Each structure stands twice: as structure tokens, then as C-alpha cells.
Amino acid sequence: MKTKLTAEQKEANRLARKEAREQAKELARIESEKNQPAVKSILITIEWKKSRMWGSNPHAKAEVTFKDNTAGEWNTGFYRKDGYTCSGCGYDKESTVIADIFNEFMKYKLWQVTGGKKDSFPYGAYIRPNHVSYSGGIGTSCYYNIAEAIGGKFEHIASGKTFDVYKYTDNN
């Protein structure tokens, strides 16, 4: 004979299922970040467009070459329809679009950082047990040190009145 569950037991079971779903989703996110395809190089082209309210805003595109020699122009991300862009004031907008690109293609590099190196990692990279990311709004100059720490080279290769071009190259 089956015993009926009390309202408290049903609620406890519901909460346990919900917690299990959230943990599975979190583990899937972490695994997908750890298993991103290895990047050989990223060419970042930033076009500066005027805004009446916010001054010049960066509109970036990223041309990514992977180590398996596949390539593509990635001007749309998972939630982006018009490339990588930002607006507003009071922070560095250029480093924000660079961080968006690094976060989309290079989180696997931060997951590979181990041991005491985490504590002495350059400013702008966030490394915690269940979360890694590159910070935006911190200044583009931080990305030179971050690139070196993850085994690459970041360089400013061209600029003009309304554009900037950066390149990340993996040294490994």
C-alpha cells in the first residue's frame, strides 16, 4: 500500500529536484567553458560610432582562428545581434567589448590556471572555484598582462580617428 506524502514532503522533494536541476545546469556551463575550442588568434576590429547621449561608442567584430585551423568572422554572439558594443559613461568602453570577446572565446584559458598562480594573476581576470571571467571597464592596458599570463600576446596593431585594431595571438 502506497503512503501519501505530506505537503511538507512534497515541498521538500520539489526543492530537491529544483536544486539538482540548478547544479546540473551550473556543471554544464562550467564544462562548456572548459571545453571551448582552442584559439590560435583573435583579430579585434573596433569602429567608434558617435552617440548624441554617450559620445563615441565602440562597435567591435572579432575574427577568430582556432588551433584546428577553422576560422570565422564572429560579429554575433549568443545574445548579440549587432556585434560587441556598449554605451554609457564612467568606465572604459573599449576594454568592455574586448572583455566580451575574451569571455566568449577564451574562458578555457582561465580554467587552466592552477595553484598559487591564481593569487598572483593580473588585474582584470576573475578566477574563483566555480566562476572565471575577464573584466570589462578596467582599461585596455590590463589585457597586455592578462594575455601574457594566459600564454599569449596582445597587441594594438592599428588605429585612426574612428577605429582601433587589436590582435591576440596564442604562444602555446
Protein backbone atom coordinates (compact mmCIF):
# COMPACT_ATOMS: atom_id res chain seq x y z
CA MET A 1 0.00 0.00 0.00
CA LYS A 2 1.34 3.39 -1.01
CA THR A 3 1.57 6.05 1.62
CA LYS A 4 0.61 9.55 0.69
CA LEU A 5 3.21 12.24 1.03
CA THR A 6 2.51 15.17 3.26
CA ALA A 7 2.55 18.70 1.90
CA GLU A 8 5.93 19.27 3.59
CA GLN A 9 7.41 16.14 1.98
CA LYS A 10 6.12 17.18 -1.45
CA GLU A 11 7.65 20.64 -1.00
CA ALA A 12 10.97 19.11 0.15
CA ASN A 13 11.01 16.81 -2.91
CA ARG A 14 10.21 19.74 -5.22
CA LEU A 15 13.03 21.82 -3.72
CA ALA A 16 15.47 18.90 -4.00
CA ARG A 17 14.60 18.44 -7.71
CA LYS A 18 14.99 22.17 -8.31
CA GLU A 19 18.41 22.18 -6.60
CA ALA A 20 19.54 19.17 -8.64
CA ARG A 21 18.48 20.91 -11.90
CA GLU A 22 20.37 24.09 -10.92
CA GLN A 23 23.51 22.11 -10.06
CA ALA A 24 23.35 20.22 -13.36
CA LYS A 25 22.92 23.49 -15.26
CA GLU A 26 25.90 25.03 -13.43
CA LEU A 27 28.09 21.98 -14.14
CA ALA A 28 27.09 22.07 -17.82
CA ARG A 29 28.05 25.78 -18.02
CA ILE A 30 31.44 25.13 -16.44
CA GLU A 31 32.13 22.15 -18.72
CA SER A 32 31.20 24.11 -21.86
CA GLU A 33 33.58 26.91 -20.80
CA LYS A 34 36.40 24.43 -20.10
CA ASN A 35 35.84 22.73 -23.46
CA GLN A 36 35.84 25.80 -25.70
CA PRO A 37 37.85 25.26 -28.88
CA ALA A 38 41.48 26.35 -28.51
CA VAL A 39 42.13 29.78 -30.01
CA LYS A 40 45.13 30.44 -32.23
CA SER A 41 44.45 34.16 -32.74
CA ILE A 42 41.75 36.80 -32.47
CA LEU A 43 41.72 39.93 -34.60
CA ILE A 44 39.53 42.57 -32.92
CA THR A 45 38.35 45.47 -35.05
CA ILE A 46 36.68 48.33 -33.18
CA GLU A 47 34.81 51.05 -35.00
CA TRP A 48 33.93 54.11 -32.95
CA LYS A 49 30.46 55.50 -33.64
CA LYS A 50 29.07 58.77 -32.32
CA SER A 51 26.11 58.83 -29.98
CA ARG A 52 24.24 62.00 -29.06
CA MET A 53 23.96 60.92 -25.47
CA TRP A 54 27.12 58.88 -24.77
CA GLY A 55 29.84 60.28 -27.07
CA SER A 56 31.78 57.66 -29.02
CA ASN A 57 30.76 54.05 -28.56
CA PRO A 58 32.78 51.01 -29.65
CA HIS A 59 31.32 48.55 -32.15
CA ALA A 60 33.63 45.54 -32.33
CA LYS A 61 33.99 42.49 -34.53
CA ALA A 62 36.21 39.52 -33.78
CA GLU A 63 37.83 37.35 -36.42
CA VAL A 64 38.80 34.16 -34.60
CA THR A 65 41.18 31.49 -35.86
CA PHE A 66 41.13 28.26 -33.90
CA LYS A 67 44.06 25.87 -33.48
CA ASP A 68 42.31 23.28 -35.62
CA ASN A 69 42.64 25.90 -38.42
CA THR A 70 38.97 26.71 -38.64
CA ALA A 71 38.22 30.41 -38.82
CA GLY A 72 35.31 32.74 -39.00
CA GLU A 73 34.18 36.28 -38.52
CA TRP A 74 32.24 36.32 -35.29
CA ASN A 75 30.25 39.50 -35.20
CA THR A 76 27.31 37.97 -33.41
CA GLY A 77 27.43 36.35 -30.03
CA PHE A 78 24.89 34.30 -28.18
CA TYR A 79 22.91 37.36 -27.14
CA ARG A 80 24.25 39.93 -29.58
CA LYS A 81 22.70 40.84 -32.90
CA ASP A 82 24.94 43.73 -33.91
CA GLY A 83 28.39 42.67 -32.74
CA TYR A 84 30.01 43.63 -29.48
CA THR A 85 29.02 47.09 -28.37
CA CYS A 86 28.44 49.16 -25.26
CA SER A 87 27.42 52.67 -24.30
CA GLY A 88 27.27 54.86 -21.25
CA CYS A 89 29.92 56.79 -19.40
CA GLY A 90 32.17 56.49 -16.37
CA TYR A 91 34.08 53.37 -17.46
CA ASP A 92 36.39 52.20 -20.23
CA LYS A 93 34.09 51.09 -23.06
CA GLU A 94 36.88 49.72 -25.25
CA SER A 95 38.00 47.20 -22.62
CA THR A 96 34.37 46.19 -22.12
CA VAL A 97 33.98 44.96 -25.72
CA ILE A 98 37.41 43.29 -25.53
CA ALA A 99 36.29 41.50 -22.34
CA ASP A 100 33.08 40.37 -24.08
CA ILE A 101 35.15 38.80 -26.86
CA PHE A 102 37.63 37.18 -24.46
CA ASN A 103 34.75 35.83 -22.35
CA GLU A 104 33.06 34.32 -25.38
CA PHE A 105 36.15 32.55 -26.76
CA MET A 106 38.86 32.35 -24.10
CA LYS A 107 37.40 31.33 -20.72
CA TYR A 108 39.02 27.92 -21.12
CA LYS A 109 42.40 29.62 -20.61
CA LEU A 110 41.35 30.86 -17.15
CA TRP A 111 40.07 27.41 -16.18
CA GLN A 112 43.56 26.07 -16.97
CA VAL A 113 45.20 28.36 -14.38
CA THR A 114 46.17 26.30 -11.33
CA GLY A 115 47.84 26.53 -7.96
CA GLY A 116 49.39 29.67 -6.48
CA LYS A 117 49.29 31.40 -9.87
CA LYS A 118 45.61 32.21 -9.23
CA ASP A 119 46.53 34.51 -6.35
CA SER A 120 49.09 36.48 -8.35
CA PHE A 121 47.11 36.68 -11.58
CA PRO A 122 46.95 40.11 -13.28
CA TYR A 123 44.19 42.60 -12.54
CA GLY A 124 41.16 42.13 -14.77
CA ALA A 125 40.89 38.34 -14.68
CA TYR A 126 38.43 36.86 -12.19
CA ILE A 127 39.29 33.33 -11.06
CA ARG A 128 37.20 31.58 -8.42
CA PRO A 129 36.41 27.89 -7.84
CA ASN A 130 33.11 27.94 -9.82
CA HIS A 131 33.48 31.08 -11.92
CA VAL A 132 36.06 32.62 -14.23
CA SER A 133 35.78 35.72 -16.41
CA TYR A 134 37.59 38.66 -17.92
CA SER A 135 36.59 42.07 -16.57
CA GLY A 136 35.48 44.97 -18.70
CA GLY A 137 35.61 48.66 -17.97
CA ILE A 138 39.08 48.39 -16.44
CA GLY A 139 41.27 49.80 -19.18
CA THR A 140 42.66 48.11 -22.25
CA SER A 141 46.21 48.17 -20.86
CA CYS A 142 45.31 45.31 -18.47
CA TYR A 143 44.86 42.94 -21.40
CA TYR A 144 48.57 43.03 -22.26
CA ASN A 145 49.40 41.48 -18.85
CA ILE A 146 46.41 39.12 -18.92
CA ALA A 147 47.41 37.83 -22.38
CA GLU A 148 50.95 37.20 -21.18
CA ALA A 149 49.67 35.35 -18.08
CA ILE A 150 47.49 33.02 -20.18
CA GLY A 151 50.30 32.29 -22.63
CA GLY A 152 49.65 34.76 -25.41
CA LYS A 153 50.44 38.17 -26.79
CA PHE A 154 48.04 41.11 -27.07
CA GLU A 155 48.98 43.97 -29.35
CA HIS A 156 47.49 47.18 -30.68
CA ILE A 157 48.24 46.94 -34.40
CA ALA A 158 46.38 49.89 -35.95
CA SER A 159 44.38 52.97 -35.06
CA GLY A 160 42.78 56.01 -36.57
CA LYS A 161 40.24 58.69 -35.70
CA THR A 162 37.34 56.25 -35.74
CA PHE A 163 38.88 52.78 -35.43
CA ASP A 164 41.27 50.59 -33.43
CA VAL A 165 42.57 47.12 -34.23
CA TYR A 166 43.96 44.65 -31.68
CA LYS A 167 45.33 41.16 -32.09
CA TYR A 168 45.64 38.35 -29.58
CA THR A 169 47.99 35.53 -30.56
CA ASP A 170 48.42 32.34 -28.53
CA ASN A 171 52.06 31.39 -27.96
CA ASN A 172 51.40 27.76 -26.98
